[in-house]
Amino acid sequence: MNFLKKAAIWFIIFLFLSSVYKDISNVQTTPFQEKESEVLHTDYHVTPIKVQTGDTVLSIVEEINKHQLNRLNIEKVLIDFQVINPKTDPYQLEIGNFYYFPIYD
């Protein structure tokens, strides 16, 4: 029984060392490619607004974009709001907090 324990331990050590050797000897370098900075091109500017009682994302965006009411897309407004405020649920705004809202060009 003692022999089986020693043999199993040596076998595990052998597997570990052969695995390490294979990883070290099989080194492949990848060419370094400088990642171009990703610039987000948007068709809006951002403004911080304090949320009042009864305000929703859509009501605030409609208020600050009166000149664009006929061109506003509700889905795009919600997506843009989430991009600008990544940790905020657009359906759960907290009264008294400031959030960034898109002003469309």
PDB file of N, CA and C in Angstrom:
ATOM      1  N   MET A   1       0.823  -1.186   0.000  1.00  0.00           N
ATOM      2  CA  MET A   1       0.000   0.000   0.000  1.00  0.00           C
ATOM      3  C   MET A   1       0.869   1.253   0.000  1.00  0.00           C
ATOM      4  N   ASN A   2       1.952   1.199   0.746  1.00  0.00           N
ATOM      5  CA  ASN A   2       2.872   2.318   0.817  1.00  0.00           C
ATOM      6  C   ASN A   2       3.482   2.600  -0.557  1.00  0.00           C
ATOM      7  N   PHE A   3       3.765   1.534  -1.302  1.00  0.00           N
ATOM      8  CA  PHE A   3       4.332   1.674  -2.639  1.00  0.00           C
ATOM      9  C   PHE A   3       3.362   2.405  -3.566  1.00  0.00           C
ATOM     10  N   LEU A   4       2.058   2.100  -3.485  1.00  0.00           N
ATOM     11  CA  LEU A   4       1.069   2.745  -4.349  1.00  0.00           C
ATOM     12  C   LEU A   4       0.964   4.244  -4.064  1.00  0.00           C
ATOM     13  N   LYS A   5       1.046   4.626  -2.798  1.00  0.00           N
ATOM     14  CA  LYS A   5       0.993   6.049  -2.448  1.00  0.00           C
ATOM     15  C   LYS A   5       2.186   6.795  -3.030  1.00  0.00           C
ATOM     16  N   LYS A   6       3.381   6.209  -2.873  1.00  0.00           N
ATOM     17  CA  LYS A   6       4.585   6.850  -3.398  1.00  0.00           C
ATOM     18  C   LYS A   6       4.539   6.922  -4.922  1.00  0.00           C
ATOM     19  N   ALA A   7       4.086   5.854  -5.545  1.00  0.00           N
ATOM     20  CA  ALA A   7       4.006   5.844  -7.006  1.00  0.00           C
ATOM     21  C   ALA A   7       3.006   6.889  -7.502  1.00  0.00           C
ATOM     22  N   ALA A   8       1.889   7.031  -6.825  1.00  0.00           N
ATOM     23  CA  ALA A   8       0.888   8.024  -7.217  1.00  0.00           C
ATOM     24  C   ALA A   8       1.433   9.437  -7.052  1.00  0.00           C
ATOM     25  N   ILE A   9       2.138   9.691  -5.967  1.00  0.00           N
ATOM     26  CA  ILE A   9       2.720  11.015  -5.736  1.00  0.00           C
ATOM     27  C   ILE A   9       3.754  11.341  -6.809  1.00  0.00           C
ATOM     28  N   TRP A  10       4.629  10.372  -7.128  1.00  0.00           N
ATOM     29  CA  TRP A  10       5.638  10.597  -8.169  1.00  0.00           C
ATOM     30  C   TRP A  10       4.983  10.806  -9.535  1.00  0.00           C
ATOM     31  N   PHE A  11       3.922  10.095  -9.793  1.00  0.00           N
ATOM     32  CA  PHE A  11       3.212  10.246 -11.065  1.00  0.00           C
ATOM     33  C   PHE A  11       2.607  11.650 -11.176  1.00  0.00           C
ATOM     34  N   ILE A  12       2.024  12.138 -10.101  1.00  0.00           N
ATOM     35  CA  ILE A  12       1.437  13.485 -10.094  1.00  0.00           C
ATOM     36  C   ILE A  12       2.527  14.536 -10.270  1.00  0.00           C
ATOM     37  N   ILE A  13       3.662  14.354  -9.591  1.00  0.00           N
ATOM     38  CA  ILE A  13       4.785  15.283  -9.742  1.00  0.00           C
ATOM     39  C   ILE A  13       5.284  15.274 -11.180  1.00  0.00           C
ATOM     40  N   PHE A  14       5.404  14.088 -11.764  1.00  0.00           N
ATOM     41  CA  PHE A  14       5.845  13.971 -13.151  1.00  0.00           C
ATOM     42  C   PHE A  14       4.888  14.691 -14.097  1.00  0.00           C
ATOM     43  N   LEU A  15       3.587  14.515 -13.912  1.00  0.00           N
ATOM     44  CA  LEU A  15       2.607  15.195 -14.760  1.00  0.00           C
ATOM     45  C   LEU A  15       2.703  16.715 -14.613  1.00  0.00           C
ATOM     46  N   PHE A  16       2.871  17.179 -13.392  1.00  0.00           N
ATOM     47  CA  PHE A  16       2.982  18.612 -13.140  1.00  0.00           C
ATOM     48  C   PHE A  16       4.217  19.191 -13.826  1.00  0.00           C
ATOM     49  N   LEU A  17       5.362  18.531 -13.637  1.00  0.00           N
ATOM     50  CA  LEU A  17       6.599  19.031 -14.232  1.00  0.00           C
ATOM     51  C   LEU A  17       6.562  18.980 -15.754  1.00  0.00           C
ATOM     52  N   SER A  18       5.994  17.926 -16.313  1.00  0.00           N
ATOM     53  CA  SER A  18       5.910  17.854 -17.774  1.00  0.00           C
ATOM     54  C   SER A  18       4.966  18.927 -18.315  1.00  0.00           C
ATOM     55  N   SER A  19       3.932  19.238 -17.578  1.00  0.00           N
ATOM     56  CA  SER A  19       3.017  20.304 -17.984  1.00  0.00           C
ATOM     57  C   SER A  19       3.716  21.661 -17.957  1.00  0.00           C
ATOM     58  N   VAL A  20       4.472  21.915 -16.904  1.00  0.00           N
ATOM     59  CA  VAL A  20       5.213  23.179 -16.798  1.00  0.00           C
ATOM     60  C   VAL A  20       6.241  23.274 -17.914  1.00  0.00           C
ATOM     61  N   TYR A  21       6.963  22.195 -18.173  1.00  0.00           N
ATOM     62  CA  TYR A  21       7.963  22.192 -19.238  1.00  0.00           C
ATOM     63  C   TYR A  21       7.327  22.479 -20.593  1.00  0.00           C
ATOM     64  N   LYS A  22       6.203  21.857 -20.857  1.00  0.00           N
ATOM     65  CA  LYS A  22       5.530  22.070 -22.139  1.00  0.00           C
ATOM     66  C   LYS A  22       5.089  23.525 -22.282  1.00  0.00           C
ATOM     67  N   ASP A  23       4.573  24.114 -21.214  1.00  0.00           N
ATOM     68  CA  ASP A  23       4.153  25.513 -21.262  1.00  0.00           C
ATOM     69  C   ASP A  23       5.333  26.443 -21.493  1.00  0.00           C
ATOM     70  N   ILE A  24       6.445  26.166 -20.840  1.00  0.00           N
ATOM     71  CA  ILE A  24       7.616  27.035 -20.969  1.00  0.00           C
ATOM     72  C   ILE A  24       8.270  26.885 -22.331  1.00  0.00           C
ATOM     73  N   SER A  25       8.369  25.679 -22.838  1.00  0.00           N
ATOM     74  CA  SER A  25       9.069  25.446 -24.098  1.00  0.00           C
ATOM     75  C   SER A  25       8.233  25.814 -25.315  1.00  0.00           C
ATOM     76  N   ASN A  26       6.972  26.025 -25.150  1.00  0.00           N
ATOM     77  CA  ASN A  26       6.087  26.310 -26.274  1.00  0.00           C
ATOM     78  C   ASN A  26       5.692  27.789 -26.299  1.00  0.00           C
ATOM     79  N   VAL A  27       6.643  28.661 -26.012  1.00  0.00           N
ATOM     80  CA  VAL A  27       6.360  30.089 -25.934  1.00  0.00           C
ATOM     81  C   VAL A  27       6.216  30.654 -27.341  1.00  0.00           C
ATOM     82  N   GLN A  28       5.125  31.328 -27.553  1.00  0.00           N
ATOM     83  CA  GLN A  28       4.904  32.011 -28.825  1.00  0.00           C
ATOM     84  C   GLN A  28       4.598  33.464 -28.509  1.00  0.00           C
ATOM     85  N   THR A  29       5.340  34.340 -29.126  1.00  0.00           N
ATOM     86  CA  THR A  29       5.090  35.753 -28.884  1.00  0.00           C
ATOM     87  C   THR A  29       4.156  36.282 -29.953  1.00  0.00           C
ATOM     88  N   THR A  30       3.288  37.128 -29.538  1.00  0.00           N
ATOM     89  CA  THR A  30       2.385  37.766 -30.490  1.00  0.00           C
ATOM     90  C   THR A  30       2.865  39.189 -30.698  1.00  0.00           C
ATOM     91  N   PRO A  31       2.800  39.655 -31.910  1.00  0.00           N
ATOM     92  CA  PRO A  31       3.258  41.019 -32.163  1.00  0.00           C
ATOM     93  C   PRO A  31       2.384  42.027 -31.429  1.00  0.00           C
ATOM     94  N   PHE A  32       3.028  43.030 -30.895  1.00  0.00           N
ATOM     95  CA  PHE A  32       2.312  44.062 -30.147  1.00  0.00           C
ATOM     96  C   PHE A  32       1.623  44.991 -31.132  1.00  0.00           C
ATOM     97  N   GLN A  33       0.345  45.121 -30.963  1.00  0.00           N
ATOM     98  CA  GLN A  33      -0.416  46.037 -31.798  1.00  0.00           C
ATOM     99  C   GLN A  33      -0.998  47.105 -30.897  1.00  0.00           C
ATOM    100  N   GLU A  34      -0.605  48.321 -31.182  1.00  0.00           N
ATOM    101  CA  GLU A  34      -1.123  49.409 -30.366  1.00  0.00           C
ATOM    102  C   GLU A  34      -2.583  49.614 -30.712  1.00  0.00           C
ATOM    103  N   LYS A  35      -3.387  49.563 -29.704  1.00  0.00           N
ATOM    104  CA  LYS A  35      -4.824  49.700 -29.899  1.00  0.00           C
ATOM    105  C   LYS A  35      -5.151  51.176 -30.075  1.00  0.00           C
ATOM    106  N   GLU A  36      -5.801  51.462 -31.175  1.00  0.00           N
ATOM    107  CA  GLU A  36      -6.203  52.839 -31.395  1.00  0.00           C
ATOM    108  C   GLU A  36      -7.271  53.200 -30.382  1.00  0.00           C
ATOM    109  N   SER A  37      -7.162  54.389 -29.881  1.00  0.00           N
ATOM    110  CA  SER A  37      -8.166  54.804 -28.910  1.00  0.00           C
ATOM    111  C   SER A  37      -9.512  54.888 -29.605  1.00  0.00           C
ATOM    112  N   GLU A  38     -10.452  54.271 -28.969  1.00  0.00           N
ATOM    113  CA  GLU A  38     -11.785  54.251 -29.539  1.00  0.00           C
ATOM    114  C   GLU A  38     -12.489  55.550 -29.185  1.00  0.00           C
ATOM    115  N   VAL A  39     -12.781  56.309 -30.209  1.00  0.00           N
ATOM    116  CA  VAL A  39     -13.476  57.568 -30.008  1.00  0.00           C
ATOM    117  C   VAL A  39     -14.932  57.339 -30.348  1.00  0.00           C
ATOM    118  N   LEU A  40     -15.769  57.667 -29.408  1.00  0.00           N
ATOM    119  CA  LEU A  40     -17.193  57.477 -29.596  1.00  0.00           C
ATOM    120  C   LEU A  40     -17.755  58.709 -30.282  1.00  0.00           C
ATOM    121  N   HIS A  41     -18.212  58.524 -31.503  1.00  0.00           N
ATOM    122  CA  HIS A  41     -18.801  59.627 -32.249  1.00  0.00           C
ATOM    123  C   HIS A  41     -20.295  59.628 -31.990  1.00  0.00           C
ATOM    124  N   THR A  42     -20.759  60.712 -31.429  1.00  0.00           N
ATOM    125  CA  THR A  42     -22.170  60.807 -31.097  1.00  0.00           C
ATOM    126  C   THR A  42     -22.777  62.022 -31.767  1.00  0.00           C
ATOM    127  N   ASP A  43     -24.081  61.998 -31.885  1.00  0.00           N
ATOM    128  CA  ASP A  43     -24.796  63.130 -32.469  1.00  0.00           C
ATOM    129  C   ASP A  43     -25.501  63.924 -31.381  1.00  0.00           C
ATOM    130  N   TYR A  44     -24.916  63.932 -30.201  1.00  0.00           N
ATOM    131  CA  TYR A  44     -25.509  64.676 -29.092  1.00  0.00           C
ATOM    132  C   TYR A  44     -24.424  65.205 -28.164  1.00  0.00           C
ATOM    133  N   HIS A  45     -24.812  66.192 -27.376  1.00  0.00           N
ATOM    134  CA  HIS A  45     -23.987  66.713 -26.293  1.00  0.00           C
ATOM    135  C   HIS A  45     -24.649  66.275 -24.994  1.00  0.00           C
ATOM    136  N   VAL A  46     -23.930  66.408 -23.911  1.00  0.00           N
ATOM    137  CA  VAL A  46     -24.435  65.927 -22.632  1.00  0.00           C
ATOM    138  C   VAL A  46     -24.554  67.090 -21.652  1.00  0.00           C
ATOM    139  N   THR A  47     -25.625  67.059 -20.865  1.00  0.00           N
ATOM    140  CA  THR A  47     -25.805  68.062 -19.825  1.00  0.00           C
ATOM    141  C   THR A  47     -26.304  67.399 -18.545  1.00  0.00           C
ATOM    142  N   PRO A  48     -25.784  67.818 -17.391  1.00  0.00           N
ATOM    143  CA  PRO A  48     -26.277  67.265 -16.124  1.00  0.00           C
ATOM    144  C   PRO A  48     -27.561  67.969 -15.702  1.00  0.00           C
ATOM    145  N   ILE A  49     -28.524  67.190 -15.251  1.00  0.00           N
ATOM    146  CA  ILE A  49     -29.807  67.736 -14.806  1.00  0.00           C
ATOM    147  C   ILE A  49     -30.208  67.029 -13.517  1.00  0.00           C
ATOM    148  N   LYS A  50     -30.727  67.818 -12.575  1.00  0.00           N
ATOM    149  CA  LYS A  50     -31.205  67.272 -11.306  1.00  0.00           C
ATOM    150  C   LYS A  50     -32.640  66.787 -11.495  1.00  0.00           C
ATOM    151  N   VAL A  51     -32.910  65.558 -11.099  1.00  0.00           N
ATOM    152  CA  VAL A  51     -34.225  64.949 -11.286  1.00  0.00           C
ATOM    153  C   VAL A  51     -35.185  65.448 -10.206  1.00  0.00           C
ATOM    154  N   GLN A  52     -36.355  65.881 -10.648  1.00  0.00           N
ATOM    155  CA  GLN A  52     -37.412  66.359  -9.756  1.00  0.00           C
ATOM    156  C   GLN A  52     -38.505  65.288  -9.664  1.00  0.00           C
ATOM    157  N   THR A  53     -39.438  65.476  -8.775  1.00  0.00           N
ATOM    158  CA  THR A  53     -40.556  64.548  -8.619  1.00  0.00           C
ATOM    159  C   THR A  53     -41.346  64.471  -9.922  1.00  0.00           C
ATOM    160  N   GLY A  54     -41.613  63.276 -10.380  1.00  0.00           N
ATOM    161  CA  GLY A  54     -42.402  63.062 -11.588  1.00  0.00           C
ATOM    162  C   GLY A  54     -41.598  63.049 -12.872  1.00  0.00           C
ATOM    163  N   ASP A  55     -40.311  63.343 -12.805  1.00  0.00           N
ATOM    164  CA  ASP A  55     -39.474  63.341 -14.004  1.00  0.00           C
ATOM    165  C   ASP A  55     -39.150  61.920 -14.434  1.00  0.00           C
ATOM    166  N   THR A  56     -39.104  61.725 -15.736  1.00  0.00           N
ATOM    167  CA  THR A  56     -38.632  60.473 -16.326  1.00  0.00           C
ATOM    168  C   THR A  56     -37.552  60.829 -17.328  1.00  0.00           C
ATOM    169  N   VAL A  57     -36.837  59.834 -17.788  1.00  0.00           N
ATOM    170  CA  VAL A  57     -35.806  60.078 -18.796  1.00  0.00           C
ATOM    171  C   VAL A  57     -36.436  60.734 -20.013  1.00  0.00           C
ATOM    172  N   LEU A  58     -37.557  60.190 -20.462  1.00  0.00           N
ATOM    173  CA  LEU A  58     -38.182  60.721 -21.670  1.00  0.00           C
ATOM    174  C   LEU A  58     -38.718  62.131 -21.471  1.00  0.00           C
ATOM    175  N   SER A  59     -39.310  62.416 -20.316  1.00  0.00           N
ATOM    176  CA  SER A  59     -39.852  63.761 -20.103  1.00  0.00           C
ATOM    177  C   SER A  59     -38.735  64.802 -20.059  1.00  0.00           C
ATOM    178  N   ILE A  60     -37.613  64.466 -19.462  1.00  0.00           N
ATOM    179  CA  ILE A  60     -36.492  65.405 -19.403  1.00  0.00           C
ATOM    180  C   ILE A  60     -35.878  65.593 -20.785  1.00  0.00           C
ATOM    181  N   VAL A  61     -35.679  64.504 -21.515  1.00  0.00           N
ATOM    182  CA  VAL A  61     -35.094  64.605 -22.852  1.00  0.00           C
ATOM    183  C   VAL A  61     -36.013  65.398 -23.775  1.00  0.00           C
ATOM    184  N   GLU A  62     -37.317  65.191 -23.671  1.00  0.00           N
ATOM    185  CA  GLU A  62     -38.252  65.972 -24.483  1.00  0.00           C
ATOM    186  C   GLU A  62     -38.188  67.453 -24.115  1.00  0.00           C
ATOM    187  N   GLU A  63     -38.031  67.757 -22.842  1.00  0.00           N
ATOM    188  CA  GLU A  63     -37.972  69.154 -22.390  1.00  0.00           C
ATOM    189  C   GLU A  63     -36.728  69.868 -22.915  1.00  0.00           C
ATOM    190  N   ILE A  64     -35.591  69.196 -22.896  1.00  0.00           N
ATOM    191  CA  ILE A  64     -34.353  69.856 -23.320  1.00  0.00           C
ATOM    192  C   ILE A  64     -34.116  69.749 -24.824  1.00  0.00           C
ATOM    193  N   ASN A  65     -34.942  68.985 -25.525  1.00  0.00           N
ATOM    194  CA  ASN A  65     -34.814  68.834 -26.979  1.00  0.00           C
ATOM    195  C   ASN A  65     -36.106  69.233 -27.683  1.00  0.00           C
ATOM    196  N   LYS A  66     -36.689  70.341 -27.298  1.00  0.00           N
ATOM    197  CA  LYS A  66     -37.976  70.760 -27.869  1.00  0.00           C
ATOM    198  C   LYS A  66     -37.906  70.948 -29.379  1.00  0.00           C
ATOM    199  N   HIS A  67     -36.751  71.354 -29.876  1.00  0.00           N
ATOM    200  CA  HIS A  67     -36.591  71.576 -31.312  1.00  0.00           C
ATOM    201  C   HIS A  67     -36.491  70.269 -32.102  1.00  0.00           C
ATOM    202  N   GLN A  68     -36.352  69.150 -31.425  1.00  0.00           N
ATOM    203  CA  GLN A  68     -36.171  67.855 -32.089  1.00  0.00           C
ATOM    204  C   GLN A  68     -37.276  66.854 -31.755  1.00  0.00           C
ATOM    205  N   LEU A  69     -38.386  67.298 -31.217  1.00  0.00           N
ATOM    206  CA  LEU A  69     -39.420  66.370 -30.737  1.00  0.00           C
ATOM    207  C   LEU A  69     -39.888  65.391 -31.800  1.00  0.00           C
ATOM    208  N   ASN A  70     -40.047  65.850 -33.024  1.00  0.00           N
ATOM    209  CA  ASN A  70     -40.558  64.961 -34.070  1.00  0.00           C
ATOM    210  C   ASN A  70     -39.510  63.949 -34.536  1.00  0.00           C
ATOM    211  N   ARG A  71     -38.240  64.152 -34.170  1.00  0.00           N
ATOM    212  CA  ARG A  71     -37.189  63.245 -34.624  1.00  0.00           C
ATOM    213  C   ARG A  71     -36.646  62.347 -33.511  1.00  0.00           C
ATOM    214  N   LEU A  72     -37.158  62.461 -32.305  1.00  0.00           N
ATOM    215  CA  LEU A  72     -36.649  61.646 -31.196  1.00  0.00           C
ATOM    216  C   LEU A  72     -37.139  60.209 -31.300  1.00  0.00           C
ATOM    217  N   ASN A  73     -36.221  59.292 -31.130  1.00  0.00           N
ATOM    218  CA  ASN A  73     -36.526  57.865 -31.125  1.00  0.00           C
ATOM    219  C   ASN A  73     -36.391  57.386 -29.677  1.00  0.00           C
ATOM    220  N   ILE A  74     -37.464  56.867 -29.117  1.00  0.00           N
ATOM    221  CA  ILE A  74     -37.486  56.488 -27.701  1.00  0.00           C
ATOM    222  C   ILE A  74     -36.403  55.463 -27.376  1.00  0.00           C
ATOM    223  N   GLU A  75     -36.241  54.459 -28.219  1.00  0.00           N
ATOM    224  CA  GLU A  75     -35.229  53.431 -27.961  1.00  0.00           C
ATOM    225  C   GLU A  75     -33.827  54.030 -27.975  1.00  0.00           C
ATOM    226  N   LYS A  76     -33.568  54.921 -28.936  1.00  0.00           N
ATOM    227  CA  LYS A  76     -32.255  55.560 -29.027  1.00  0.00           C
ATOM    228  C   LYS A  76     -32.004  56.441 -27.805  1.00  0.00           C
ATOM    229  N   VAL A  77     -33.018  57.148 -27.349  1.00  0.00           N
ATOM    230  CA  VAL A  77     -32.880  57.997 -26.162  1.00  0.00           C
ATOM    231  C   VAL A  77     -32.498  57.148 -24.955  1.00  0.00           C
ATOM    232  N   LEU A  78     -33.176  56.018 -24.766  1.00  0.00           N
ATOM    233  CA  LEU A  78     -32.883  55.149 -23.619  1.00  0.00           C
ATOM    234  C   LEU A  78     -31.486  54.535 -23.720  1.00  0.00           C
ATOM    235  N   ILE A  79     -31.092  54.127 -24.912  1.00  0.00           N
ATOM    236  CA  ILE A  79     -29.754  53.554 -25.105  1.00  0.00           C
ATOM    237  C   ILE A  79     -28.687  54.610 -24.847  1.00  0.00           C
ATOM    238  N   ASP A  80     -28.891  55.818 -25.389  1.00  0.00           N
ATOM    239  CA  ASP A  80     -27.926  56.898 -25.168  1.00  0.00           C
ATOM    240  C   ASP A  80     -27.824  57.239 -23.683  1.00  0.00           C
ATOM    241  N   PHE A  81     -28.951  57.258 -22.995  1.00  0.00           N
ATOM    242  CA  PHE A  81     -28.937  57.544 -21.556  1.00  0.00           C
ATOM    243  C   PHE A  81     -28.122  56.486 -20.813  1.00  0.00           C
ATOM    244  N   GLN A  82     -28.284  55.219 -21.181  1.00  0.00           N
ATOM    245  CA  GLN A  82     -27.542  54.148 -20.512  1.00  0.00           C
ATOM    246  C   GLN A  82     -26.054  54.216 -20.833  1.00  0.00           C
ATOM    247  N   VAL A  83     -25.703  54.670 -22.039  1.00  0.00           N
ATOM    248  CA  VAL A  83     -24.291  54.823 -22.387  1.00  0.00           C
ATOM    249  C   VAL A  83     -23.668  55.942 -21.559  1.00  0.00           C
ATOM    250  N   ILE A  84     -24.402  57.028 -21.404  1.00  0.00           N
ATOM    251  CA  ILE A  84     -23.900  58.179 -20.655  1.00  0.00           C
ATOM    252  C   ILE A  84     -23.850  57.884 -19.155  1.00  0.00           C
ATOM    253  N   ASN A  85     -24.834  57.157 -18.659  1.00  0.00           N
ATOM    254  CA  ASN A  85     -24.943  56.817 -17.229  1.00  0.00           C
ATOM    255  C   ASN A  85     -24.930  55.298 -17.080  1.00  0.00           C
ATOM    256  N   PRO A  86     -23.766  54.652 -17.197  1.00  0.00           N
ATOM    257  CA  PRO A  86     -23.722  53.186 -17.274  1.00  0.00           C
ATOM    258  C   PRO A  86     -24.235  52.438 -16.048  1.00  0.00           C
ATOM    259  N   LYS A  87     -24.209  53.035 -14.883  1.00  0.00           N
ATOM    260  CA  LYS A  87     -24.635  52.316 -13.675  1.00  0.00           C
ATOM    261  C   LYS A  87     -26.042  52.699 -13.246  1.00  0.00           C
ATOM    262  N   THR A  88     -26.793  53.328 -14.146  1.00  0.00           N
ATOM    263  CA  THR A  88     -28.116  53.827 -13.796  1.00  0.00           C
ATOM    264  C   THR A  88     -29.184  53.118 -14.608  1.00  0.00           C
ATOM    265  N   ASP A  89     -30.235  52.698 -13.945  1.00  0.00           N
ATOM    266  CA  ASP A  89     -31.402  52.136 -14.615  1.00  0.00           C
ATOM    267  C   ASP A  89     -32.295  53.301 -15.031  1.00  0.00           C
ATOM    268  N   PRO A  90     -32.569  53.459 -16.332  1.00  0.00           N
ATOM    269  CA  PRO A  90     -33.368  54.605 -16.776  1.00  0.00           C
ATOM    270  C   PRO A  90     -34.798  54.588 -16.255  1.00  0.00           C
ATOM    271  N   TYR A  91     -35.244  53.467 -15.743  1.00  0.00           N
ATOM    272  CA  TYR A  91     -36.603  53.364 -15.217  1.00  0.00           C
ATOM    273  C   TYR A  91     -36.655  53.588 -13.702  1.00  0.00           C
ATOM    274  N   GLN A  92     -35.496  53.759 -13.067  1.00  0.00           N
ATOM    275  CA  GLN A  92     -35.433  53.919 -11.612  1.00  0.00           C
ATOM    276  C   GLN A  92     -34.605  55.143 -11.230  1.00  0.00           C
ATOM    277  N   LEU A  93     -34.959  56.312 -11.739  1.00  0.00           N
ATOM    278  CA  LEU A  93     -34.238  57.532 -11.385  1.00  0.00           C
ATOM    279  C   LEU A  93     -34.570  57.924  -9.951  1.00  0.00           C
ATOM    280  N   GLU A  94     -33.578  58.416  -9.241  1.00  0.00           N
ATOM    281  CA  GLU A  94     -33.770  58.827  -7.852  1.00  0.00           C
ATOM    282  C   GLU A  94     -33.929  60.338  -7.791  1.00  0.00           C
ATOM    283  N   ILE A  95     -34.977  60.780  -7.126  1.00  0.00           N
ATOM    284  CA  ILE A  95     -35.286  62.200  -7.011  1.00  0.00           C
ATOM    285  C   ILE A  95     -34.151  62.905  -6.269  1.00  0.00           C
ATOM    286  N   GLY A  96     -33.728  64.046  -6.819  1.00  0.00           N
ATOM    287  CA  GLY A  96     -32.666  64.835  -6.201  1.00  0.00           C
ATOM    288  C   GLY A  96     -31.275  64.525  -6.716  1.00  0.00           C
ATOM    289  N   ASN A  97     -31.106  63.435  -7.446  1.00  0.00           N
ATOM    290  CA  ASN A  97     -29.801  63.090  -8.009  1.00  0.00           C
ATOM    291  C   ASN A  97     -29.611  63.774  -9.355  1.00  0.00           C
ATOM    292  N   PHE A  98     -28.347  64.015  -9.706  1.00  0.00           N
ATOM    293  CA  PHE A  98     -28.012  64.558 -11.013  1.00  0.00           C
ATOM    294  C   PHE A  98     -27.679  63.402 -11.952  1.00  0.00           C
ATOM    295  N   TYR A  99     -28.200  63.468 -13.162  1.00  0.00           N
ATOM    296  CA  TYR A  99     -27.892  62.501 -14.209  1.00  0.00           C
ATOM    297  C   TYR A  99     -27.537  63.279 -15.466  1.00  0.00           C
ATOM    298  N   TYR A 100     -26.797  62.633 -16.352  1.00  0.00           N
ATOM    299  CA  TYR A 100     -26.456  63.252 -17.625  1.00  0.00           C
ATOM    300  C   TYR A 100     -27.511  62.872 -18.654  1.00  0.00           C
ATOM    301  N   PHE A 101     -27.933  63.868 -19.427  1.00  0.00           N
ATOM    302  CA  PHE A 101     -28.952  63.656 -20.449  1.00  0.00           C
ATOM    303  C   PHE A 101     -28.435  64.155 -21.788  1.00  0.00           C
ATOM    304  N   PRO A 102     -28.815  63.467 -22.877  1.00  0.00           N
ATOM    305  CA  PRO A 102     -28.344  63.882 -24.199  1.00  0.00           C
ATOM    306  C   PRO A 102     -29.136  65.066 -24.750  1.00  0.00           C
ATOM    307  N   ILE A 103     -28.409  66.019 -25.325  1.00  0.00           N
ATOM    308  CA  ILE A 103     -29.017  67.104 -26.088  1.00  0.00           C
ATOM    309  C   ILE A 103     -28.633  66.841 -27.537  1.00  0.00           C
ATOM    310  N   TYR A 104     -29.605  66.514 -28.356  1.00  0.00           N
ATOM    311  CA  TYR A 104     -29.342  66.114 -29.732  1.00  0.00           C
ATOM    312  C   TYR A 104     -29.111  67.318 -30.629  1.00  0.00           C
ATOM    313  N   ASP A 105     -28.185  67.154 -31.571  1.00  0.00           N
ATOM    314  CA  ASP A 105     -27.861  68.227 -32.524  1.00  0.00           C
ATOM    315  C   ASP A 105     -28.899  68.316 -33.614  1.00  0.00           C
TER     316      ASP A 105
END
